[in-house]
Amino acid sequence: MANGVSDKMIVIEKTSDHAAVAAIHDALYAYNLARTGRERVEVSAERFAEQFALVAVDGAGATHGGIACHWGNDPRHVFVDYFYLDDALRGTGVGRRIFEAMLAEAEAGGAAEVRLTTNTFQAPGFYRKMGFVVTGEKAEPAPLCPDNIHYTFCRKLSR
């Protein structure tokens, strides 16, 4: 149990509410700023026609992060827009549960693959463990991360 929240108390809920998408975006943006030392600028979560989120909710109804995605075509795929999990739940298996739920949604919706981007200071190792492969990378230095690499990842799905 970390900070009073047990991974066993967490349920994963699906929503299309843009407020949930925005909350995941905002938490990830704050995390990124703290790790990179970049200056804050006004940004907001993008809206997509076929967007959904899977959020980690505790027994009291508080949200502790989640994943926001949207559907794309050519081929039919899911693109992960934002993924964030509170520090207290990292390494507990909740992130894996969220990704497994998202992969199930993607397969049920006929996706051929799932795509995402990430940075060195985020979670490329986690994505590799989840079966994603690097499809591109470029240097993207930041004040606190001069050796940062921006990666694109893809995972093919068995449809």
Protein backbone atom coordinates (compact mmCIF):
# COMPACT_ATOMS: atom_id res chain seq x y z
CA MET A 1 0.00 0.00 0.00
CA ALA A 2 1.43 3.37 -1.06
CA ASN A 3 0.06 6.67 0.25
CA GLY A 4 -3.06 4.85 1.46
CA VAL A 5 -3.91 3.45 -1.99
CA SER A 6 -3.58 -0.24 -2.65
CA ASP A 7 -3.34 -1.54 -6.19
CA LYS A 8 -6.06 -4.04 -5.16
CA MET A 9 -8.43 -1.13 -4.48
CA ILE A 10 -8.00 0.25 -8.00
CA VAL A 11 -10.57 -0.43 -10.71
CA ILE A 12 -10.11 0.52 -14.34
CA GLU A 13 -13.06 2.44 -15.79
CA LYS A 14 -13.67 3.39 -19.42
CA THR A 15 -14.98 6.84 -20.27
CA SER A 16 -15.31 9.16 -23.26
CA ASP A 17 -15.56 12.22 -20.99
CA HIS A 18 -13.05 14.80 -22.23
CA ALA A 19 -12.51 15.99 -18.64
CA ALA A 20 -10.89 12.61 -17.87
CA VAL A 21 -8.69 12.94 -20.97
CA ALA A 22 -7.72 16.47 -19.89
CA ALA A 23 -6.86 15.33 -16.36
CA ILE A 24 -4.51 12.64 -17.71
CA HIS A 25 -2.95 15.18 -20.09
CA ASP A 26 -2.44 17.77 -17.35
CA ALA A 27 -0.84 15.28 -14.93
CA LEU A 28 1.49 14.00 -17.67
CA TYR A 29 2.38 17.56 -18.70
CA ALA A 30 3.32 18.47 -15.11
CA TYR A 31 5.39 15.27 -14.85
CA ASN A 32 7.18 16.07 -18.11
CA LEU A 33 7.97 19.65 -17.07
CA ALA A 34 9.46 18.48 -13.77
CA ARG A 35 11.69 15.96 -15.56
CA THR A 36 12.80 18.12 -18.48
CA GLY A 37 13.14 21.59 -16.99
CA ARG A 38 11.26 23.06 -19.94
CA GLU A 39 9.21 26.23 -19.51
CA ARG A 40 5.48 25.89 -19.00
CA VAL A 41 3.36 27.05 -21.91
CA GLU A 42 -0.40 26.97 -22.22
CA VAL A 43 -1.40 23.65 -23.74
CA SER A 44 -4.50 21.55 -23.46
CA ALA A 45 -5.57 18.02 -24.27
CA GLU A 46 -6.46 17.48 -27.90
CA ARG A 47 -9.96 16.36 -28.80
CA PHE A 48 -10.44 13.55 -31.28
CA ALA A 49 -13.71 12.23 -32.69
CA GLU A 50 -13.14 8.68 -31.47
CA GLN A 51 -11.36 9.32 -28.17
CA PHE A 52 -11.64 7.31 -24.98
CA ALA A 53 -9.88 7.01 -21.65
CA LEU A 54 -9.33 4.23 -19.16
CA VAL A 55 -8.85 5.65 -15.69
CA ALA A 56 -7.53 4.13 -12.46
CA VAL A 57 -10.11 4.82 -9.75
CA ASP A 58 -9.86 3.93 -6.06
CA GLY A 59 -12.66 2.83 -3.73
CA ALA A 60 -13.37 6.44 -2.73
CA GLY A 61 -13.82 7.48 -6.36
CA ALA A 62 -10.51 9.35 -6.68
CA THR A 63 -8.65 9.02 -9.98
CA HIS A 64 -4.94 8.14 -9.93
CA GLY A 65 -4.14 8.42 -13.62
CA GLY A 66 -5.00 6.53 -16.74
CA ILE A 67 -4.59 6.32 -20.47
CA ALA A 68 -6.24 8.46 -23.16
CA CYS A 69 -6.39 7.15 -26.73
CA HIS A 70 -8.05 7.79 -30.04
CA TRP A 71 -8.91 5.67 -33.05
CA GLY A 72 -7.20 6.09 -36.39
CA ASN A 73 -7.47 4.40 -39.76
CA ASP A 74 -5.28 3.11 -42.57
CA PRO A 75 -4.88 0.59 -41.00
CA ARG A 76 -7.42 0.74 -38.17
CA HIS A 77 -5.39 1.44 -35.04
CA VAL A 78 -5.41 2.99 -31.59
CA PHE A 79 -3.04 5.84 -30.85
CA VAL A 80 -2.11 6.44 -27.21
CA ASP A 81 -2.34 10.18 -26.64
CA TYR A 82 -1.44 10.31 -22.93
CA PHE A 83 -0.55 7.79 -20.23
CA TYR A 84 0.07 8.83 -16.65
CA LEU A 85 -0.01 7.01 -13.33
CA ASP A 86 0.48 8.54 -9.88
CA ASP A 87 3.93 7.84 -8.43
CA ALA A 88 2.34 5.86 -5.58
CA LEU A 89 1.01 3.27 -8.05
CA ARG A 90 4.03 2.90 -10.32
CA GLY A 91 5.51 -0.57 -10.14
CA THR A 92 2.36 -2.08 -8.58
CA GLY A 93 0.94 -3.65 -11.74
CA VAL A 94 -1.79 -1.03 -12.22
CA GLY A 95 -0.06 0.36 -15.32
CA ARG A 96 -0.01 -3.14 -16.82
CA ARG A 97 -3.71 -3.57 -16.01
CA ILE A 98 -4.53 -0.27 -17.72
CA PHE A 99 -2.55 -1.28 -20.81
CA GLU A 100 -4.12 -4.73 -20.92
CA ALA A 101 -7.59 -3.13 -20.76
CA MET A 102 -6.63 -0.72 -23.56
CA LEU A 103 -5.26 -3.57 -25.70
CA ALA A 104 -8.51 -5.49 -25.19
CA GLU A 105 -10.49 -2.39 -26.29
CA ALA A 106 -8.27 -2.04 -29.34
CA GLU A 107 -8.69 -5.68 -30.36
CA ALA A 108 -12.46 -5.61 -29.75
CA GLY A 109 -12.70 -2.52 -31.96
CA GLY A 110 -10.85 -4.17 -34.82
CA ALA A 111 -7.49 -2.42 -34.45
CA ALA A 112 -4.55 -3.93 -36.32
CA GLU A 113 -2.04 -2.16 -34.07
CA VAL A 114 -1.48 0.29 -31.22
CA ARG A 115 0.89 3.22 -31.64
CA LEU A 116 2.44 5.63 -29.15
CA THR A 117 5.33 7.98 -28.55
CA THR A 118 7.48 8.38 -25.46
CA ASN A 119 10.77 9.81 -24.24
CA THR A 120 13.85 8.45 -22.52
CA PHE A 121 12.73 9.96 -19.18
CA GLN A 122 9.27 8.41 -19.42
CA ALA A 123 8.68 4.69 -19.87
CA PRO A 124 10.30 3.11 -22.94
CA GLY A 125 11.27 0.03 -20.91
CA PHE A 126 7.66 -0.48 -19.80
CA TYR A 127 6.42 -0.31 -23.39
CA ARG A 128 9.00 -2.87 -24.49
CA LYS A 129 7.79 -5.18 -21.69
CA MET A 130 4.25 -4.70 -23.00
CA GLY A 131 5.29 -6.00 -26.45
CA PHE A 132 5.84 -2.70 -28.25
CA VAL A 133 8.74 -2.28 -30.67
CA VAL A 134 10.58 0.93 -31.56
CA THR A 135 9.63 2.19 -35.01
CA GLY A 136 11.51 5.48 -34.84
CA GLU A 137 13.68 7.65 -32.66
CA LYS A 138 15.17 11.12 -32.73
CA ALA A 139 17.25 13.20 -30.37
CA GLU A 140 15.14 15.69 -28.45
CA PRO A 141 17.34 17.29 -25.77
CA ALA A 142 15.85 19.19 -22.85
CA PRO A 143 17.55 21.29 -20.13
CA LEU A 144 17.46 18.47 -17.55
CA CYS A 145 17.66 15.67 -20.15
CA PRO A 146 20.37 16.59 -22.66
CA ASP A 147 20.52 12.98 -23.95
CA ASN A 148 16.75 12.55 -24.30
CA ILE A 149 15.48 10.44 -27.20
CA HIS A 150 11.89 10.73 -28.47
CA TYR A 151 10.66 7.27 -29.53
CA THR A 152 7.76 6.02 -31.60
CA PHE A 153 6.50 2.56 -30.72
CA CYS A 154 4.05 0.12 -32.28
CA ARG A 155 2.49 -3.15 -31.21
CA LYS A 156 0.78 -5.33 -33.81
CA LEU A 157 -2.40 -7.02 -32.61
CA SER A 158 -3.67 -10.47 -33.47
CA ARG A 159 -7.08 -9.92 -34.99
